[in-house]
Amino acid sequence: MVTGAVIKIQKKLPKNISISETVIYNRLADKTFNVKKLKPQTLDNQVSKTELYDIKITKEFSEKVEALRQKGVYLYIEKTQRGGNTLRLKMFKNNKIVDKSFPPNNESLEKIKLNYL
């Protein structure tokens, strides 16, 4: 079962990151792990959340991001720790700092236009 989990996880990870059975066995043996009664999550649930960020950024998309920039609005494409891309928005609106990340796609650009600009 653990071997199958490792194979499935490894397929979704970037090539420069690897996971071993030892990591999973150590978590299972750790009595302090999940002591705060965290609810279980399926592997498919976690992997599907990251798929939106594992896309290649095209020159056309980069140009759309640059076109939305305004004075005081910082919108840029950022590399995530796991090797994906995220669209980062930083600005000051209604006396509050906005610091949000979005999947790098056209739907996110539309959401930013409608809700923040």
Foldseek 3Di string as FASTA:
>chain_A
DLVVVQVVVQVLAPPVDHDDSVVVVVLVPDPPRCPVVDDDDDPVVVSVVCVLFADDDDPVLQVLQVVPDDVQWDWDWDADPRGGIWIWIWGADPNDTDTDIHRSDPVVSVVCVVPPD
